[in-house]
Amino acid sequence: MLVLIWFSVCIIFAFVQFILGDSGHSLELFALLTAILLFAINKLKNKVKINK
């Protein structure tokens, strides 16, 4: 699960850097998209029961 989160955050970071570059709003957009992603992963993780 941690690898999925790390990989997703890296993709979001690359996307924001490519689109906005060194803009002042790139950090805010990165934080917002990361928060949305972590919320979605948490909801999906709770919806899909993983048997251990």
PDB file of N, CA and C in Angstrom:
ATOM      1  N   MET A   1       0.831  -1.190   0.000  1.00  0.00           N
ATOM      2  CA  MET A   1       0.000   0.000   0.000  1.00  0.00           C
ATOM      3  C   MET A   1       0.875   1.253   0.000  1.00  0.00           C
ATOM      4  N   LEU A   2       1.957   1.210   0.737  1.00  0.00           N
ATOM      5  CA  LEU A   2       2.842   2.365   0.807  1.00  0.00           C
ATOM      6  C   LEU A   2       3.493   2.652  -0.544  1.00  0.00           C
ATOM      7  N   VAL A   3       3.789   1.598  -1.305  1.00  0.00           N
ATOM      8  CA  VAL A   3       4.377   1.784  -2.627  1.00  0.00           C
ATOM      9  C   VAL A   3       3.370   2.462  -3.555  1.00  0.00           C
ATOM     10  N   LEU A   4       2.105   2.082  -3.455  1.00  0.00           N
ATOM     11  CA  LEU A   4       1.059   2.719  -4.263  1.00  0.00           C
ATOM     12  C   LEU A   4       0.961   4.208  -3.935  1.00  0.00           C
ATOM     13  N   ILE A   5       0.984   4.553  -2.676  1.00  0.00           N
ATOM     14  CA  ILE A   5       0.909   5.958  -2.269  1.00  0.00           C
ATOM     15  C   ILE A   5       2.129   6.719  -2.764  1.00  0.00           C
ATOM     16  N   TRP A   6       3.317   6.137  -2.592  1.00  0.00           N
ATOM     17  CA  TRP A   6       4.542   6.800  -3.015  1.00  0.00           C
ATOM     18  C   TRP A   6       4.550   7.017  -4.522  1.00  0.00           C
ATOM     19  N   PHE A   7       4.173   6.005  -5.283  1.00  0.00           N
ATOM     20  CA  PHE A   7       4.137   6.099  -6.738  1.00  0.00           C
ATOM     21  C   PHE A   7       3.125   7.151  -7.186  1.00  0.00           C
ATOM     22  N   SER A   8       1.977   7.191  -6.558  1.00  0.00           N
ATOM     23  CA  SER A   8       0.937   8.159  -6.920  1.00  0.00           C
ATOM     24  C   SER A   8       1.372   9.588  -6.623  1.00  0.00           C
ATOM     25  N   VAL A   9       2.010   9.796  -5.499  1.00  0.00           N
ATOM     26  CA  VAL A   9       2.479  11.134  -5.134  1.00  0.00           C
ATOM     27  C   VAL A   9       3.570  11.598  -6.101  1.00  0.00           C
ATOM     28  N   CYS A  10       4.435  10.691  -6.509  1.00  0.00           N
ATOM     29  CA  CYS A  10       5.472  11.054  -7.488  1.00  0.00           C
ATOM     30  C   CYS A  10       4.867  11.452  -8.824  1.00  0.00           C
ATOM     31  N   ILE A  11       3.834  10.744  -9.251  1.00  0.00           N
ATOM     32  CA  ILE A  11       3.164  11.090 -10.505  1.00  0.00           C
ATOM     33  C   ILE A  11       2.498  12.454 -10.401  1.00  0.00           C
ATOM     34  N   ILE A  12       1.836  12.716  -9.280  1.00  0.00           N
ATOM     35  CA  ILE A  12       1.202  14.023  -9.085  1.00  0.00           C
ATOM     36  C   ILE A  12       2.248  15.129  -9.079  1.00  0.00           C
ATOM     37  N   PHE A  13       3.376  14.900  -8.412  1.00  0.00           N
ATOM     38  CA  PHE A  13       4.431  15.903  -8.357  1.00  0.00           C
ATOM     39  C   PHE A  13       4.971  16.205  -9.753  1.00  0.00           C
ATOM     40  N   ALA A  14       5.218  15.171 -10.545  1.00  0.00           N
ATOM     41  CA  ALA A  14       5.728  15.377 -11.902  1.00  0.00           C
ATOM     42  C   ALA A  14       4.706  16.115 -12.759  1.00  0.00           C
ATOM     43  N   PHE A  15       3.433  15.761 -12.610  1.00  0.00           N
ATOM     44  CA  PHE A  15       2.370  16.426 -13.368  1.00  0.00           C
ATOM     45  C   PHE A  15       2.283  17.913 -13.020  1.00  0.00           C
ATOM     46  N   VAL A  16       2.315  18.245 -11.738  1.00  0.00           N
ATOM     47  CA  VAL A  16       2.218  19.646 -11.306  1.00  0.00           C
ATOM     48  C   VAL A  16       3.447  20.424 -11.763  1.00  0.00           C
ATOM     49  N   GLN A  17       4.625  19.841 -11.656  1.00  0.00           N
ATOM     50  CA  GLN A  17       5.839  20.522 -12.091  1.00  0.00           C
ATOM     51  C   GLN A  17       5.822  20.755 -13.601  1.00  0.00           C
ATOM     52  N   PHE A  18       5.292  19.804 -14.351  1.00  0.00           N
ATOM     53  CA  PHE A  18       5.237  19.947 -15.804  1.00  0.00           C
ATOM     54  C   PHE A  18       4.252  21.040 -16.207  1.00  0.00           C
ATOM     55  N   ILE A  19       3.103  21.082 -15.547  1.00  0.00           N
ATOM     56  CA  ILE A  19       2.063  22.045 -15.923  1.00  0.00           C
ATOM     57  C   ILE A  19       2.389  23.449 -15.420  1.00  0.00           C
ATOM     58  N   LEU A  20       2.718  23.572 -14.132  1.00  0.00           N
ATOM     59  CA  LEU A  20       2.883  24.905 -13.550  1.00  0.00           C
ATOM     60  C   LEU A  20       4.336  25.362 -13.424  1.00  0.00           C
ATOM     61  N   GLY A  21       5.276  24.438 -13.416  1.00  0.00           N
ATOM     62  CA  GLY A  21       6.681  24.823 -13.301  1.00  0.00           C
ATOM     63  C   GLY A  21       6.968  25.422 -11.940  1.00  0.00           C
ATOM     64  N   ASP A  22       7.584  26.604 -11.941  1.00  0.00           N
ATOM     65  CA  ASP A  22       7.959  27.270 -10.687  1.00  0.00           C
ATOM     66  C   ASP A  22       6.947  28.329 -10.272  1.00  0.00           C
ATOM     67  N   SER A  23       5.705  28.125 -10.647  1.00  0.00           N
ATOM     68  CA  SER A  23       4.659  29.070 -10.282  1.00  0.00           C
ATOM     69  C   SER A  23       4.454  29.065  -8.772  1.00  0.00           C
ATOM     70  N   GLY A  24       3.936  30.129  -8.248  1.00  0.00           N
ATOM     71  CA  GLY A  24       3.679  30.220  -6.814  1.00  0.00           C
ATOM     72  C   GLY A  24       2.550  29.328  -6.353  1.00  0.00           C
ATOM     73  N   HIS A  25       1.704  28.900  -7.281  1.00  0.00           N
ATOM     74  CA  HIS A  25       0.554  28.087  -6.909  1.00  0.00           C
ATOM     75  C   HIS A  25       0.802  26.591  -7.062  1.00  0.00           C
ATOM     76  N   SER A  26       1.993  26.205  -7.492  1.00  0.00           N
ATOM     77  CA  SER A  26       2.249  24.783  -7.717  1.00  0.00           C
ATOM     78  C   SER A  26       2.241  23.997  -6.412  1.00  0.00           C
ATOM     79  N   LEU A  27       2.739  24.570  -5.335  1.00  0.00           N
ATOM     80  CA  LEU A  27       2.741  23.866  -4.051  1.00  0.00           C
ATOM     81  C   LEU A  27       1.325  23.672  -3.526  1.00  0.00           C
ATOM     82  N   GLU A  28       0.476  24.679  -3.673  1.00  0.00           N
ATOM     83  CA  GLU A  28      -0.909  24.543  -3.232  1.00  0.00           C
ATOM     84  C   GLU A  28      -1.647  23.486  -4.043  1.00  0.00           C
ATOM     85  N   LEU A  29      -1.440  23.481  -5.351  1.00  0.00           N
ATOM     86  CA  LEU A  29      -2.087  22.480  -6.194  1.00  0.00           C
ATOM     87  C   LEU A  29      -1.579  21.082  -5.865  1.00  0.00           C
ATOM     88  N   PHE A  30      -0.276  20.944  -5.624  1.00  0.00           N
ATOM     89  CA  PHE A  30       0.298  19.653  -5.251  1.00  0.00           C
ATOM     90  C   PHE A  30      -0.303  19.160  -3.935  1.00  0.00           C
ATOM     91  N   ALA A  31      -0.432  20.038  -2.959  1.00  0.00           N
ATOM     92  CA  ALA A  31      -1.009  19.649  -1.671  1.00  0.00           C
ATOM     93  C   ALA A  31      -2.475  19.256  -1.812  1.00  0.00           C
ATOM     94  N   LEU A  32      -3.219  19.993  -2.605  1.00  0.00           N
ATOM     95  CA  LEU A  32      -4.631  19.692  -2.802  1.00  0.00           C
ATOM     96  C   LEU A  32      -4.827  18.355  -3.513  1.00  0.00           C
ATOM     97  N   LEU A  33      -4.099  18.139  -4.594  1.00  0.00           N
ATOM     98  CA  LEU A  33      -4.228  16.881  -5.335  1.00  0.00           C
ATOM     99  C   LEU A  33      -3.766  15.686  -4.507  1.00  0.00           C
ATOM    100  N   THR A  34      -2.721  15.862  -3.704  1.00  0.00           N
ATOM    101  CA  THR A  34      -2.248  14.777  -2.842  1.00  0.00           C
ATOM    102  C   THR A  34      -3.282  14.447  -1.775  1.00  0.00           C
ATOM    103  N   ALA A  35      -3.898  15.453  -1.195  1.00  0.00           N
ATOM    104  CA  ALA A  35      -4.929  15.211  -0.189  1.00  0.00           C
ATOM    105  C   ALA A  35      -6.126  14.477  -0.796  1.00  0.00           C
ATOM    106  N   ILE A  36      -6.535  14.869  -1.993  1.00  0.00           N
ATOM    107  CA  ILE A  36      -7.648  14.188  -2.673  1.00  0.00           C
ATOM    108  C   ILE A  36      -7.273  12.740  -2.967  1.00  0.00           C
ATOM    109  N   LEU A  37      -6.054  12.521  -3.435  1.00  0.00           N
ATOM    110  CA  LEU A  37      -5.604  11.165  -3.738  1.00  0.00           C
ATOM    111  C   LEU A  37      -5.578  10.291  -2.484  1.00  0.00           C
ATOM    112  N   LEU A  38      -5.031  10.799  -1.390  1.00  0.00           N
ATOM    113  CA  LEU A  38      -4.970  10.014  -0.157  1.00  0.00           C
ATOM    114  C   LEU A  38      -6.365   9.710   0.381  1.00  0.00           C
ATOM    115  N   PHE A  39      -7.279  10.657   0.243  1.00  0.00           N
ATOM    116  CA  PHE A  39      -8.663  10.423   0.657  1.00  0.00           C
ATOM    117  C   PHE A  39      -9.298   9.318  -0.186  1.00  0.00           C
ATOM    118  N   ALA A  40      -9.065   9.368  -1.495  1.00  0.00           N
ATOM    119  CA  ALA A  40      -9.636   8.352  -2.393  1.00  0.00           C
ATOM    120  C   ALA A  40      -9.045   6.973  -2.124  1.00  0.00           C
ATOM    121  N   ILE A  41      -7.738   6.904  -1.894  1.00  0.00           N
ATOM    122  CA  ILE A  41      -7.114   5.617  -1.587  1.00  0.00           C
ATOM    123  C   ILE A  41      -7.660   5.062  -0.287  1.00  0.00           C
ATOM    124  N   ASN A  42      -7.859   5.911   0.705  1.00  0.00           N
ATOM    125  CA  ASN A  42      -8.403   5.466   1.980  1.00  0.00           C
ATOM    126  C   ASN A  42      -9.824   4.922   1.812  1.00  0.00           C
ATOM    127  N   LYS A  43     -10.644   5.606   1.026  1.00  0.00           N
ATOM    128  CA  LYS A  43     -12.012   5.139   0.796  1.00  0.00           C
ATOM    129  C   LYS A  43     -12.025   3.818   0.031  1.00  0.00           C
ATOM    130  N   LEU A  44     -11.166   3.697  -0.984  1.00  0.00           N
ATOM    131  CA  LEU A  44     -11.103   2.454  -1.749  1.00  0.00           C
ATOM    132  C   LEU A  44     -10.565   1.299  -0.910  1.00  0.00           C
ATOM    133  N   LYS A  45      -9.604   1.606  -0.053  1.00  0.00           N
ATOM    134  CA  LYS A  45      -9.040   0.566   0.805  1.00  0.00           C
ATOM    135  C   LYS A  45     -10.091   0.037   1.767  1.00  0.00           C
ATOM    136  N   ASN A  46     -10.921   0.918   2.288  1.00  0.00           N
ATOM    137  CA  ASN A  46     -11.968   0.491   3.208  1.00  0.00           C
ATOM    138  C   ASN A  46     -13.090  -0.247   2.470  1.00  0.00           C
ATOM    139  N   LYS A  47     -13.323   0.102   1.213  1.00  0.00           N
ATOM    140  CA  LYS A  47     -14.381  -0.550   0.440  1.00  0.00           C
ATOM    141  C   LYS A  47     -13.973  -1.954   0.008  1.00  0.00           C
ATOM    142  N   VAL A  48     -12.699  -2.118  -0.364  1.00  0.00           N
ATOM    143  CA  VAL A  48     -12.199  -3.419  -0.805  1.00  0.00           C
ATOM    144  C   VAL A  48     -11.571  -4.104   0.401  1.00  0.00           C
ATOM    145  N   LYS A  49     -12.173  -5.179   0.824  1.00  0.00           N
ATOM    146  CA  LYS A  49     -11.648  -5.927   1.975  1.00  0.00           C
ATOM    147  C   LYS A  49     -10.529  -6.824   1.512  1.00  0.00           C
ATOM    148  N   ILE A  50      -9.366  -6.644   2.102  1.00  0.00           N
ATOM    149  CA  ILE A  50      -8.207  -7.474   1.774  1.00  0.00           C
ATOM    150  C   ILE A  50      -8.049  -8.518   2.877  1.00  0.00           C
ATOM    151  N   ASN A  51      -8.107  -9.767   2.492  1.00  0.00           N
ATOM    152  CA  ASN A  51      -7.960 -10.859   3.454  1.00  0.00           C
ATOM    153  C   ASN A  51      -6.478 -11.105   3.708  1.00  0.00           C
ATOM    154  N   LYS A  52      -6.110 -11.107   4.967  1.00  0.00           N
ATOM    155  CA  LYS A  52      -4.704 -11.344   5.334  1.00  0.00           C
ATOM    156  C   LYS A  52      -4.544 -12.753   5.832  1.00  0.00           C
TER     157      LYS A  52
END
